[in-house]
C-alpha atoms as a PDB file:
ATOM      1  CA  MET A   1      93.571  10.701   6.478  1.00  0.00           C
ATOM      2  CA  ASP A   2      96.480   8.267   6.743  1.00  0.00           C
ATOM      3  CA  GLU A   3      96.022   6.168   3.626  1.00  0.00           C
ATOM      4  CA  THR A   4      95.098   6.751   0.035  1.00  0.00           C
ATOM      5  CA  MET A   5      91.376   6.971  -0.457  1.00  0.00           C
ATOM      6  CA  LEU A   6      89.597   6.295  -3.725  1.00  0.00           C
ATOM      7  CA  SER A   7      86.005   7.480  -3.725  1.00  0.00           C
ATOM      8  CA  TYR A   8      83.168   7.447  -6.234  1.00  0.00           C
ATOM      9  CA  ILE A   9      80.744  10.337  -6.318  1.00  0.00           C
ATOM     10  CA  TRP A  10      77.596  10.386  -8.437  1.00  0.00           C
ATOM     11  CA  ALA A  11      73.915  11.241  -8.475  1.00  0.00           C
ATOM     12  CA  GLU A  12      71.238   8.936  -9.833  1.00  0.00           C
ATOM     13  CA  ASP A  13      67.493   9.010 -10.244  1.00  0.00           C
ATOM     14  CA  ARG A  14      65.090   6.302  -9.022  1.00  0.00           C
ATOM     15  CA  THR A  15      65.941   4.084 -12.011  1.00  0.00           C
ATOM     16  CA  GLY A  16      69.720   4.536 -11.795  1.00  0.00           C
ATOM     17  CA  VAL A  17      69.976   7.106 -14.605  1.00  0.00           C
ATOM     18  CA  ILE A  18      73.159   9.198 -14.315  1.00  0.00           C
ATOM     19  CA  GLY A  19      73.387  10.784 -17.773  1.00  0.00           C
ATOM     20  CA  ASP A  20      71.607  11.640 -20.994  1.00  0.00           C
ATOM     21  CA  ARG A  21      73.396  12.297 -24.282  1.00  0.00           C
ATOM     22  CA  GLY A  22      76.610  13.353 -22.591  1.00  0.00           C
ATOM     23  CA  ARG A  23      75.015  15.608 -19.973  1.00  0.00           C
ATOM     24  CA  LEU A  24      73.318  15.430 -16.604  1.00  0.00           C
ATOM     25  CA  PRO A  25      69.566  15.074 -17.131  1.00  0.00           C
ATOM     26  CA  TRP A  26      68.835  17.467 -14.270  1.00  0.00           C
ATOM     27  CA  HIS A  27      69.824  20.874 -12.935  1.00  0.00           C
ATOM     28  CA  LEU A  28      69.766  20.616  -9.156  1.00  0.00           C
ATOM     29  CA  PRO A  29      71.773  23.348  -7.399  1.00  0.00           C
ATOM     30  CA  THR A  30      71.594  21.590  -4.020  1.00  0.00           C
ATOM     31  CA  GLU A  31      73.101  18.424  -5.483  1.00  0.00           C
ATOM     32  CA  MET A  32      75.797  20.399  -7.327  1.00  0.00           C
ATOM     33  CA  HIS A  33      76.672  22.216  -4.092  1.00  0.00           C
ATOM     34  CA  HIS A  34      77.064  18.852  -2.336  1.00  0.00           C
ATOM     35  CA  PHE A  35      79.413  17.685  -5.133  1.00  0.00           C
ATOM     36  CA  THR A  36      81.413  20.921  -4.961  1.00  0.00           C
ATOM     37  CA  VAL A  37      81.841  20.821  -1.174  1.00  0.00           C
ATOM     38  CA  LEU A  38      83.086  17.231  -1.243  1.00  0.00           C
ATOM     39  CA  THR A  39      85.435  17.472  -4.220  1.00  0.00           C
ATOM     40  CA  THR A  40      86.945  20.962  -3.900  1.00  0.00           C
ATOM     41  CA  GLY A  41      90.639  20.728  -3.113  1.00  0.00           C
ATOM     42  CA  HIS A  42      90.873  17.090  -4.193  1.00  0.00           C
ATOM     43  CA  PRO A  43      91.831  15.383  -7.453  1.00  0.00           C
ATOM     44  CA  ILE A  44      88.903  14.307  -9.615  1.00  0.00           C
ATOM     45  CA  ILE A  45      89.308  11.471 -12.107  1.00  0.00           C
ATOM     46  CA  MET A  46      87.103  11.227 -15.183  1.00  0.00           C
ATOM     47  CA  GLY A  47      86.945   9.961 -18.725  1.00  0.00           C
ATOM     48  CA  ALA A  48      87.142  12.259 -21.739  1.00  0.00           C
ATOM     49  CA  ARG A  49      83.372  12.216 -22.387  1.00  0.00           C
ATOM     50  CA  THR A  50      82.682  13.266 -18.811  1.00  0.00           C
ATOM     51  CA  PHE A  51      85.240  16.056 -19.141  1.00  0.00           C
ATOM     52  CA  ARG A  52      83.727  17.280 -22.417  1.00  0.00           C
ATOM     53  CA  SER A  53      80.333  17.524 -20.699  1.00  0.00           C
ATOM     54  CA  PHE A  54      81.573  20.456 -18.594  1.00  0.00           C
ATOM     55  CA  PRO A  55      80.375  23.603 -20.353  1.00  0.00           C
ATOM     56  CA  LYS A  56      83.085  25.803 -18.800  1.00  0.00           C
ATOM     57  CA  GLY A  57      86.041  23.412 -19.000  1.00  0.00           C
ATOM     58  CA  PRO A  58      87.983  22.041 -16.012  1.00  0.00           C
ATOM     59  CA  LEU A  59      86.304  22.276 -12.636  1.00  0.00           C
ATOM     60  CA  PRO A  60      87.968  24.974 -10.533  1.00  0.00           C
ATOM     61  CA  ASN A  61      89.954  24.324  -7.363  1.00  0.00           C
ATOM     62  CA  ARG A  62      90.482  20.673  -8.174  1.00  0.00           C
ATOM     63  CA  ARG A  63      93.114  18.689 -10.002  1.00  0.00           C
ATOM     64  CA  ASN A  64      91.272  17.503 -13.136  1.00  0.00           C
ATOM     65  CA  LEU A  65      92.637  14.105 -14.223  1.00  0.00           C
ATOM     66  CA  VAL A  66      91.269  12.825 -17.541  1.00  0.00           C
ATOM     67  CA  LEU A  67      91.724   9.246 -18.706  1.00  0.00           C
ATOM     68  CA  THR A  68      91.837   9.196 -22.503  1.00  0.00           C
ATOM     69  CA  HIS A  69      93.793   7.910 -25.471  1.00  0.00           C
ATOM     70  CA  GLN A  70      93.564  11.363 -27.058  1.00  0.00           C
ATOM     71  CA  PRO A  71      96.497  13.779 -27.030  1.00  0.00           C
ATOM     72  CA  ALA A  72      96.308  16.346 -24.234  1.00  0.00           C
ATOM     73  CA  HIS A  73      96.184  19.322 -26.617  1.00  0.00           C
ATOM     74  CA  LEU A  74      92.804  18.145 -27.957  1.00  0.00           C
ATOM     75  CA  LEU A  75      91.201  18.606 -24.533  1.00  0.00           C
ATOM     76  CA  GLY A  76      92.543  22.043 -23.646  1.00  0.00           C
ATOM     77  CA  GLN A  77      94.287  23.623 -20.684  1.00  0.00           C
ATOM     78  CA  GLY A  78      93.876  22.960 -16.984  1.00  0.00           C
ATOM     79  CA  ILE A  79      93.826  19.164 -17.016  1.00  0.00           C
ATOM     80  CA  GLU A  80      96.252  16.303 -16.597  1.00  0.00           C
ATOM     81  CA  VAL A  81      95.853  13.593 -19.204  1.00  0.00           C
ATOM     82  CA  ILE A  82      96.309   9.979 -18.149  1.00  0.00           C
ATOM     83  CA  HIS A  83      96.518   7.358 -20.878  1.00  0.00           C
ATOM     84  CA  ASP A  84      95.937   4.120 -18.956  1.00  0.00           C
ATOM     85  CA  VAL A  85      94.371   2.808 -15.754  1.00  0.00           C
ATOM     86  CA  GLU A  86      97.746   1.586 -14.465  1.00  0.00           C
ATOM     87  CA  SER A  87      98.930   5.210 -14.392  1.00  0.00           C
ATOM     88  CA  ILE A  88      95.951   6.047 -12.186  1.00  0.00           C
ATOM     89  CA  TYR A  89      96.978   3.237  -9.820  1.00  0.00           C
ATOM     90  CA  ARG A  90     100.520   4.629  -9.601  1.00  0.00           C
ATOM     91  CA  MET A  91      99.272   8.186  -9.058  1.00  0.00           C
ATOM     92  CA  ILE A  92      96.955   7.131  -6.244  1.00  0.00           C
ATOM     93  CA  ASP A  93      99.691   5.039  -4.637  1.00  0.00           C
ATOM     94  CA  ALA A  94     102.136   7.979  -4.790  1.00  0.00           C
ATOM     95  CA  GLU A  95      99.840  10.304  -2.803  1.00  0.00           C
ATOM     96  CA  PRO A  96      98.986   8.408   0.376  1.00  0.00           C
ATOM     97  CA  ALA A  97      97.244  11.251   2.205  1.00  0.00           C
ATOM     98  CA  GLU A  98      94.877  12.246  -0.611  1.00  0.00           C
ATOM     99  CA  GLU A  99      91.260  11.394  -1.390  1.00  0.00           C
ATOM    100  CA  PHE A 100      90.761  10.909  -5.134  1.00  0.00           C
ATOM    101  CA  PHE A 101      87.218  11.213  -6.507  1.00  0.00           C
ATOM    102  CA  VAL A 102      86.101   9.259  -9.562  1.00  0.00           C
ATOM    103  CA  ILE A 103      83.268  11.229 -11.160  1.00  0.00           C
ATOM    104  CA  GLY A 104      82.597   9.155 -14.308  1.00  0.00           C
ATOM    105  CA  GLY A 105      82.073   7.700 -16.788  1.00  0.00           C
ATOM    106  CA  ASN A 106      80.926   4.171 -16.449  1.00  0.00           C
ATOM    107  CA  SER A 107      83.995   2.488 -17.948  1.00  0.00           C
ATOM    108  CA  LEU A 108      86.116   4.215 -15.301  1.00  0.00           C
ATOM    109  CA  PHE A 109      83.659   3.241 -12.555  1.00  0.00           C
ATOM    110  CA  GLU A 110      83.880  -0.371 -13.766  1.00  0.00           C
ATOM    111  CA  SER A 111      87.683  -0.396 -14.032  1.00  0.00           C
ATOM    112  CA  LEU A 112      88.336   1.016 -10.573  1.00  0.00           C
ATOM    113  CA  LEU A 113      85.540  -0.722  -8.648  1.00  0.00           C
ATOM    114  CA  PRO A 114      87.842  -3.291  -6.994  1.00  0.00           C
ATOM    115  CA  LEU A 115      89.876  -0.417  -5.483  1.00  0.00           C
ATOM    116  CA  VAL A 116      87.165   1.983  -4.334  1.00  0.00           C
ATOM    117  CA  ASP A 117      87.024   2.740  -0.602  1.00  0.00           C
ATOM    118  CA  LYS A 118      84.068   5.130  -0.332  1.00  0.00           C
ATOM    119  CA  LEU A 119      80.884   5.803  -2.238  1.00  0.00           C
ATOM    120  CA  TYR A 120      79.104   9.152  -2.202  1.00  0.00           C
ATOM    121  CA  GLN A 121      75.734   8.506  -3.792  1.00  0.00           C
ATOM    122  CA  THR A 122      72.979  11.065  -4.230  1.00  0.00           C
ATOM    123  CA  GLN A 123      69.564   9.510  -4.789  1.00  0.00           C
ATOM    124  CA  ILE A 124      67.139  11.782  -6.604  1.00  0.00           C
ATOM    125  CA  ASP A 125      63.489  10.956  -5.965  1.00  0.00           C
ATOM    126  CA  HIS A 126      62.403  11.487  -9.566  1.00  0.00           C
ATOM    127  CA  ASP A 127      62.490   9.639 -12.902  1.00  0.00           C
ATOM    128  CA  TYR A 128      64.500  11.283 -15.682  1.00  0.00           C
ATOM    129  CA  ARG A 129      65.004  10.278 -19.270  1.00  0.00           C
ATOM    130  CA  GLY A 130      68.552   9.115 -19.807  1.00  0.00           C
ATOM    131  CA  ASP A 131      70.787   6.811 -21.773  1.00  0.00           C
ATOM    132  CA  VAL A 132      73.380   6.035 -19.084  1.00  0.00           C
ATOM    133  CA  ARG A 133      72.760   4.164 -15.830  1.00  0.00           C
ATOM    134  CA  MET A 134      75.148   3.668 -12.947  1.00  0.00           C
ATOM    135  CA  ILE A 135      77.073   0.400 -12.974  1.00  0.00           C
ATOM    136  CA  PRO A 136      75.991  -2.325 -10.555  1.00  0.00           C
ATOM    137  CA  ILE A 137      77.613  -1.802  -7.156  1.00  0.00           C
ATOM    138  CA  PRO A 138      78.303  -4.820  -4.900  1.00  0.00           C
ATOM    139  CA  TRP A 139      76.406  -3.236  -2.012  1.00  0.00           C
ATOM    140  CA  ASN A 140      77.182  -6.193   0.284  1.00  0.00           C
ATOM    141  CA  GLN A 141      80.817  -4.993   0.312  1.00  0.00           C
ATOM    142  CA  PHE A 142      79.889  -1.560   1.688  1.00  0.00           C
ATOM    143  CA  GLU A 143      78.212  -0.186   4.793  1.00  0.00           C
ATOM    144  CA  LEU A 144      76.178   2.988   5.055  1.00  0.00           C
ATOM    145  CA  VAL A 145      77.988   5.365   7.418  1.00  0.00           C
ATOM    146  CA  ARG A 146      76.122   8.626   6.826  1.00  0.00           C
ATOM    147  CA  GLN A 147      72.809   9.645   5.325  1.00  0.00           C
ATOM    148  CA  ARG A 148      71.159  13.024   4.939  1.00  0.00           C
ATOM    149  CA  GLN A 149      67.680  13.430   3.484  1.00  0.00           C
ATOM    150  CA  LEU A 150      66.263  16.626   2.052  1.00  0.00           C
ATOM    151  CA  PRO A 151      62.531  16.847   1.334  1.00  0.00           C
ATOM    152  CA  ALA A 152      61.236  18.019  -2.019  1.00  0.00           C
ATOM    153  CA  ASP A 153      61.240  21.800  -2.307  1.00  0.00           C
ATOM    154  CA  GLY A 154      59.431  23.539  -5.150  1.00  0.00           C
ATOM    155  CA  GLN A 155      60.866  22.214  -8.417  1.00  0.00           C
ATOM    156  CA  THR A 156      63.585  20.219  -6.612  1.00  0.00           C
ATOM    157  CA  PRO A 157      62.732  16.578  -5.866  1.00  0.00           C
ATOM    158  CA  ALA A 158      63.657  14.960  -2.568  1.00  0.00           C
ATOM    159  CA  LEU A 159      67.360  14.141  -2.321  1.00  0.00           C
ATOM    160  CA  THR A 160      69.151  11.560  -0.202  1.00  0.00           C
ATOM    161  CA  PHE A 161      72.903  11.898   0.268  1.00  0.00           C
ATOM    162  CA  ASN A 162      74.447   8.545   1.174  1.00  0.00           C
ATOM    163  CA  GLU A 163      78.034   7.848   2.190  1.00  0.00           C
ATOM    164  CA  TYR A 164      79.247   4.250   2.195  1.00  0.00           C
ATOM    165  CA  ARG A 165      82.586   2.760   3.215  1.00  0.00           C
ATOM    166  CA  ARG A 166      83.971  -0.533   2.053  1.00  0.00           C
ATOM    167  CA  ILE A 167      83.710  -3.142   4.799  1.00  0.00           C
ATOM    168  CA  LYS A 168      87.222  -4.196   5.808  1.00  0.00           C
ATOM    169  CA  GLY A 169      88.186  -7.462   4.189  1.00  0.00           C
ATOM    170  CA  LYS A 170      85.487  -7.245   1.514  1.00  0.00           C
ATOM    171  CA  SER A 171      87.350  -7.675  -1.778  1.00  0.00           C
ATOM    172  CA  LYS A 172      89.426  -4.513  -1.909  1.00  0.00           C
ATOM    173  CA  VAL A 173      92.414  -5.082  -4.115  1.00  0.00           C
ATOM    174  CA  GLU A 174      95.496  -3.353  -2.731  1.00  0.00           C
ATOM    175  CA  LEU A 175      97.577  -1.182  -5.048  1.00  0.00           C
END
């Protein structure tokens, strides 16, 4: 990779639900494995609520970057606290060979949308109850470059793993 890459990664149900009361509304090992494979070894960027949803603390083998106004000591060990979006811009710009993954929440997805290069979307063929839906994505600015479909298996609904790249010249703001 020869330039900084900002990627979003998320899973959503058929209605766009991505969360419920601060947690994922599903337990899907295949989807979690997909997330782990893609993000291991890379920085992950999240808001404080997303971080607090992790039952075991920071995700292992990743640099956990948390955007919050709270002091770092309130969130525990193993994370880097970032206090403003501009600091994220500078961090991304300073590491030109790295792929950064934004994993939530919605305010972070909204703030960084003009800069995102890649989208890793998992579509779950099921309806879940939830109170958080994914932000609107300007799909006309992205092209599907890879798709993998897994049929339903027992208690696991069908999953579709989509990878999109921003179309060159389609509204990416440079750092």
